[in-house]
Amino acid sequence: MDAGAIVVTFGSTLDAFAFEDAARAAGLPGRLIPLPTGIAATCGLAWKLPSGSAVELLAAVAGMRHEGVYRFVDNAYFRLDA
């Protein structure tokens, strides 16, 4: 994982795919990836925004269902929305 990357987790695969559709429509950078080790979530998929992305980019998909938002720093994930 790239240092500074933002990872969004989901409660279901359906939520992950809906988020992907909304993110692409909004021009949000990133892609679906397998859930990284070190993060516990209900769904095995996560959306990864590139390193250096501002968490404010997620405002474009604020209404979409998700479980958590994390930033990868110093080989660990830190929850941003707790």
N, C-alpha and C. Protein backbone atom coordinates (compact mmCIF):
# COMPACT_ATOMS: atom_id res chain seq x y z
N MET A 1 0.86 -1.18 0.00
CA MET A 1 0.00 0.00 0.00
C MET A 1 0.89 1.23 0.00
N ASP A 2 0.48 2.23 -0.73
CA ASP A 2 1.22 3.49 -0.81
C ASP A 2 0.99 4.34 0.42
N ALA A 3 2.05 4.90 0.98
CA ALA A 3 1.91 5.79 2.14
C ALA A 3 1.02 6.97 1.77
N GLY A 4 0.07 7.27 2.63
CA GLY A 4 -0.84 8.39 2.41
C GLY A 4 -2.11 8.04 1.67
N ALA A 5 -2.22 6.80 1.19
CA ALA A 5 -3.42 6.39 0.47
C ALA A 5 -4.62 6.38 1.41
N ILE A 6 -5.80 6.65 0.86
CA ILE A 6 -7.05 6.61 1.62
C ILE A 6 -7.82 5.37 1.18
N VAL A 7 -8.36 4.63 2.14
CA VAL A 7 -9.11 3.41 1.87
C VAL A 7 -10.51 3.55 2.48
N VAL A 8 -11.52 3.26 1.69
CA VAL A 8 -12.91 3.30 2.13
C VAL A 8 -13.41 1.86 2.19
N THR A 9 -13.99 1.45 3.32
CA THR A 9 -14.50 0.09 3.47
C THR A 9 -16.03 0.08 3.41
N PHE A 10 -16.58 -1.12 3.18
CA PHE A 10 -18.02 -1.26 2.94
C PHE A 10 -18.62 -2.40 3.74
N GLY A 11 -19.93 -2.32 3.92
CA GLY A 11 -20.67 -3.34 4.64
C GLY A 11 -21.13 -4.49 3.76
N SER A 12 -21.13 -4.27 2.44
CA SER A 12 -21.55 -5.33 1.53
C SER A 12 -20.92 -5.10 0.16
N THR A 13 -20.89 -6.15 -0.62
CA THR A 13 -20.38 -6.04 -1.98
C THR A 13 -21.24 -5.10 -2.81
N LEU A 14 -22.55 -5.15 -2.59
CA LEU A 14 -23.45 -4.24 -3.30
C LEU A 14 -23.10 -2.79 -3.01
N ASP A 15 -22.81 -2.47 -1.74
CA ASP A 15 -22.40 -1.10 -1.38
C ASP A 15 -21.10 -0.72 -2.09
N ALA A 16 -20.17 -1.66 -2.18
CA ALA A 16 -18.88 -1.39 -2.83
C ALA A 16 -19.09 -1.09 -4.32
N PHE A 17 -19.91 -1.89 -4.99
CA PHE A 17 -20.15 -1.67 -6.42
C PHE A 17 -20.93 -0.38 -6.67
N ALA A 18 -21.88 -0.06 -5.79
CA ALA A 18 -22.63 1.19 -5.93
C ALA A 18 -21.69 2.39 -5.73
N PHE A 19 -20.77 2.28 -4.76
CA PHE A 19 -19.80 3.33 -4.52
C PHE A 19 -18.91 3.49 -5.74
N GLU A 20 -18.47 2.38 -6.33
CA GLU A 20 -17.63 2.45 -7.53
C GLU A 20 -18.34 3.20 -8.65
N ASP A 21 -19.60 2.87 -8.89
CA ASP A 21 -20.36 3.55 -9.94
C ASP A 21 -20.46 5.05 -9.67
N ALA A 22 -20.80 5.41 -8.41
CA ALA A 22 -20.94 6.82 -8.06
C ALA A 22 -19.60 7.55 -8.14
N ALA A 23 -18.53 6.89 -7.70
CA ALA A 23 -17.20 7.51 -7.73
C ALA A 23 -16.77 7.78 -9.17
N ARG A 24 -16.98 6.82 -10.04
CA ARG A 24 -16.60 7.02 -11.44
C ARG A 24 -17.43 8.14 -12.07
N ALA A 25 -18.73 8.18 -11.77
CA ALA A 25 -19.59 9.23 -12.31
C ALA A 25 -19.17 10.62 -11.80
N ALA A 26 -18.65 10.66 -10.56
CA ALA A 26 -18.22 11.94 -9.97
C ALA A 26 -16.78 12.30 -10.33
N GLY A 27 -16.09 11.39 -11.02
CA GLY A 27 -14.70 11.65 -11.38
C GLY A 27 -13.72 11.46 -10.24
N LEU A 28 -14.13 10.71 -9.23
CA LEU A 28 -13.27 10.45 -8.07
C LEU A 28 -12.17 9.48 -8.47
N PRO A 29 -10.91 9.80 -8.19
CA PRO A 29 -9.84 8.88 -8.55
C PRO A 29 -9.84 7.66 -7.64
N GLY A 30 -9.32 6.55 -8.13
CA GLY A 30 -9.20 5.36 -7.32
C GLY A 30 -9.80 4.15 -7.98
N ARG A 31 -9.81 3.05 -7.21
CA ARG A 31 -10.33 1.79 -7.73
C ARG A 31 -10.67 0.86 -6.57
N LEU A 32 -11.49 -0.15 -6.87
CA LEU A 32 -11.78 -1.18 -5.88
C LEU A 32 -10.58 -2.11 -5.76
N ILE A 33 -10.27 -2.50 -4.52
CA ILE A 33 -9.17 -3.41 -4.24
C ILE A 33 -9.65 -4.43 -3.21
N PRO A 34 -8.94 -5.55 -3.07
CA PRO A 34 -9.26 -6.46 -1.96
C PRO A 34 -8.99 -5.74 -0.63
N LEU A 35 -9.80 -6.04 0.37
CA LEU A 35 -9.64 -5.41 1.68
C LEU A 35 -8.23 -5.66 2.21
N PRO A 36 -7.49 -4.61 2.53
CA PRO A 36 -6.13 -4.80 3.04
C PRO A 36 -6.13 -5.48 4.41
N THR A 37 -5.10 -6.27 4.67
CA THR A 37 -4.94 -6.82 6.01
C THR A 37 -4.66 -5.65 6.93
N GLY A 38 -5.11 -5.73 8.13
CA GLY A 38 -4.95 -4.63 9.06
C GLY A 38 -6.22 -3.80 9.21
N ILE A 39 -7.22 -4.07 8.36
CA ILE A 39 -8.51 -3.40 8.47
C ILE A 39 -9.58 -4.48 8.58
N ALA A 40 -10.47 -4.35 9.55
CA ALA A 40 -11.59 -5.27 9.69
C ALA A 40 -12.84 -4.61 9.11
N ALA A 41 -13.51 -5.31 8.21
CA ALA A 41 -14.75 -4.79 7.62
C ALA A 41 -15.61 -5.98 7.22
N THR A 42 -16.88 -5.72 7.03
CA THR A 42 -17.82 -6.77 6.67
C THR A 42 -17.60 -7.28 5.25
N CYS A 43 -17.27 -6.37 4.33
CA CYS A 43 -17.07 -6.71 2.93
C CYS A 43 -15.58 -6.87 2.64
N GLY A 44 -15.25 -7.74 1.72
CA GLY A 44 -13.86 -7.98 1.36
C GLY A 44 -13.31 -7.04 0.30
N LEU A 45 -14.08 -5.99 -0.06
CA LEU A 45 -13.62 -5.01 -1.03
C LEU A 45 -13.47 -3.64 -0.37
N ALA A 46 -12.59 -2.82 -0.92
CA ALA A 46 -12.38 -1.46 -0.44
C ALA A 46 -12.06 -0.57 -1.63
N TRP A 47 -12.34 0.71 -1.49
CA TRP A 47 -12.00 1.70 -2.52
C TRP A 47 -10.71 2.37 -2.09
N LYS A 48 -9.71 2.38 -2.96
CA LYS A 48 -8.43 3.01 -2.65
C LYS A 48 -8.27 4.27 -3.48
N LEU A 49 -8.09 5.40 -2.77
CA LEU A 49 -7.75 6.65 -3.43
C LEU A 49 -6.23 6.76 -3.45
N PRO A 50 -5.66 7.36 -4.49
CA PRO A 50 -4.20 7.45 -4.60
C PRO A 50 -3.57 8.21 -3.44
N SER A 51 -2.28 7.96 -3.24
CA SER A 51 -1.51 8.66 -2.21
C SER A 51 -1.63 10.16 -2.42
N GLY A 52 -1.72 10.87 -1.32
CA GLY A 52 -1.81 12.32 -1.39
C GLY A 52 -3.20 12.86 -1.66
N SER A 53 -4.17 11.99 -1.84
CA SER A 53 -5.54 12.45 -2.07
C SER A 53 -6.08 13.09 -0.80
N ALA A 54 -6.84 14.15 -0.97
CA ALA A 54 -7.47 14.82 0.16
C ALA A 54 -8.76 14.10 0.50
N VAL A 55 -9.01 13.91 1.79
CA VAL A 55 -10.23 13.25 2.23
C VAL A 55 -11.46 14.04 1.78
N GLU A 56 -11.31 15.32 1.51
CA GLU A 56 -12.42 16.15 1.04
C GLU A 56 -12.95 15.68 -0.32
N LEU A 57 -12.14 14.94 -1.07
CA LEU A 57 -12.63 14.39 -2.34
C LEU A 57 -13.84 13.50 -2.14
N LEU A 58 -13.95 12.89 -0.96
CA LEU A 58 -15.06 11.98 -0.69
C LEU A 58 -16.39 12.71 -0.57
N ALA A 59 -16.38 14.02 -0.50
CA ALA A 59 -17.62 14.78 -0.43
C ALA A 59 -18.49 14.52 -1.66
N ALA A 60 -17.85 14.20 -2.79
CA ALA A 60 -18.58 13.94 -4.02
C ALA A 60 -19.46 12.71 -3.91
N VAL A 61 -19.13 11.81 -3.00
CA VAL A 61 -19.91 10.58 -2.82
C VAL A 61 -20.37 10.45 -1.37
N ALA A 62 -20.61 11.57 -0.72
CA ALA A 62 -20.94 11.60 0.72
C ALA A 62 -22.19 10.80 1.05
N GLY A 63 -23.13 10.71 0.15
CA GLY A 63 -24.37 10.00 0.43
C GLY A 63 -24.28 8.49 0.27
N MET A 64 -23.14 8.00 -0.18
CA MET A 64 -22.99 6.57 -0.42
C MET A 64 -22.70 5.83 0.89
N ARG A 65 -23.24 4.63 1.00
CA ARG A 65 -23.03 3.82 2.21
C ARG A 65 -21.61 3.27 2.24
N HIS A 66 -21.00 3.37 3.41
CA HIS A 66 -19.68 2.79 3.63
C HIS A 66 -19.51 2.51 5.12
N GLU A 67 -18.50 1.73 5.47
CA GLU A 67 -18.26 1.39 6.88
C GLU A 67 -17.22 2.29 7.52
N GLY A 68 -16.14 2.57 6.81
CA GLY A 68 -15.06 3.35 7.41
C GLY A 68 -14.17 3.98 6.36
N VAL A 69 -13.42 5.00 6.80
CA VAL A 69 -12.44 5.68 5.95
C VAL A 69 -11.12 5.68 6.71
N TYR A 70 -10.08 5.21 6.06
CA TYR A 70 -8.78 5.05 6.68
C TYR A 70 -7.69 5.69 5.83
N ARG A 71 -6.62 6.15 6.48
CA ARG A 71 -5.42 6.61 5.77
C ARG A 71 -4.27 5.70 6.20
N PHE A 72 -3.45 5.31 5.21
CA PHE A 72 -2.30 4.44 5.46
C PHE A 72 -1.07 5.31 5.69
N VAL A 73 -0.54 5.25 6.92
CA VAL A 73 0.63 6.06 7.30
C VAL A 73 1.53 5.19 8.18
N ASP A 74 2.82 5.21 7.91
CA ASP A 74 3.80 4.48 8.72
C ASP A 74 3.42 3.01 8.90
N ASN A 75 3.05 2.37 7.81
CA ASN A 75 2.70 0.94 7.79
C ASN A 75 1.52 0.57 8.69
N ALA A 76 0.61 1.51 8.90
CA ALA A 76 -0.59 1.24 9.71
C ALA A 76 -1.76 2.05 9.14
N TYR A 77 -2.97 1.57 9.40
CA TYR A 77 -4.18 2.26 8.97
C TYR A 77 -4.77 3.03 10.13
N PHE A 78 -5.10 4.30 9.89
CA PHE A 78 -5.70 5.16 10.90
C PHE A 78 -7.07 5.58 10.43
N ARG A 79 -8.07 5.33 11.27
CA ARG A 79 -9.45 5.65 10.89
C ARG A 79 -9.65 7.17 10.95
N LEU A 80 -10.24 7.71 9.89
CA LEU A 80 -10.45 9.15 9.77
C LEU A 80 -11.85 9.57 10.16
N ASP A 81 -12.80 8.65 10.14
CA ASP A 81 -14.20 9.02 10.38
C ASP A 81 -14.75 8.51 11.70
N ALA A 82 -13.88 8.13 12.61
CA ALA A 82 -14.35 7.59 13.89
C ALA A 82 -14.74 8.69 14.85
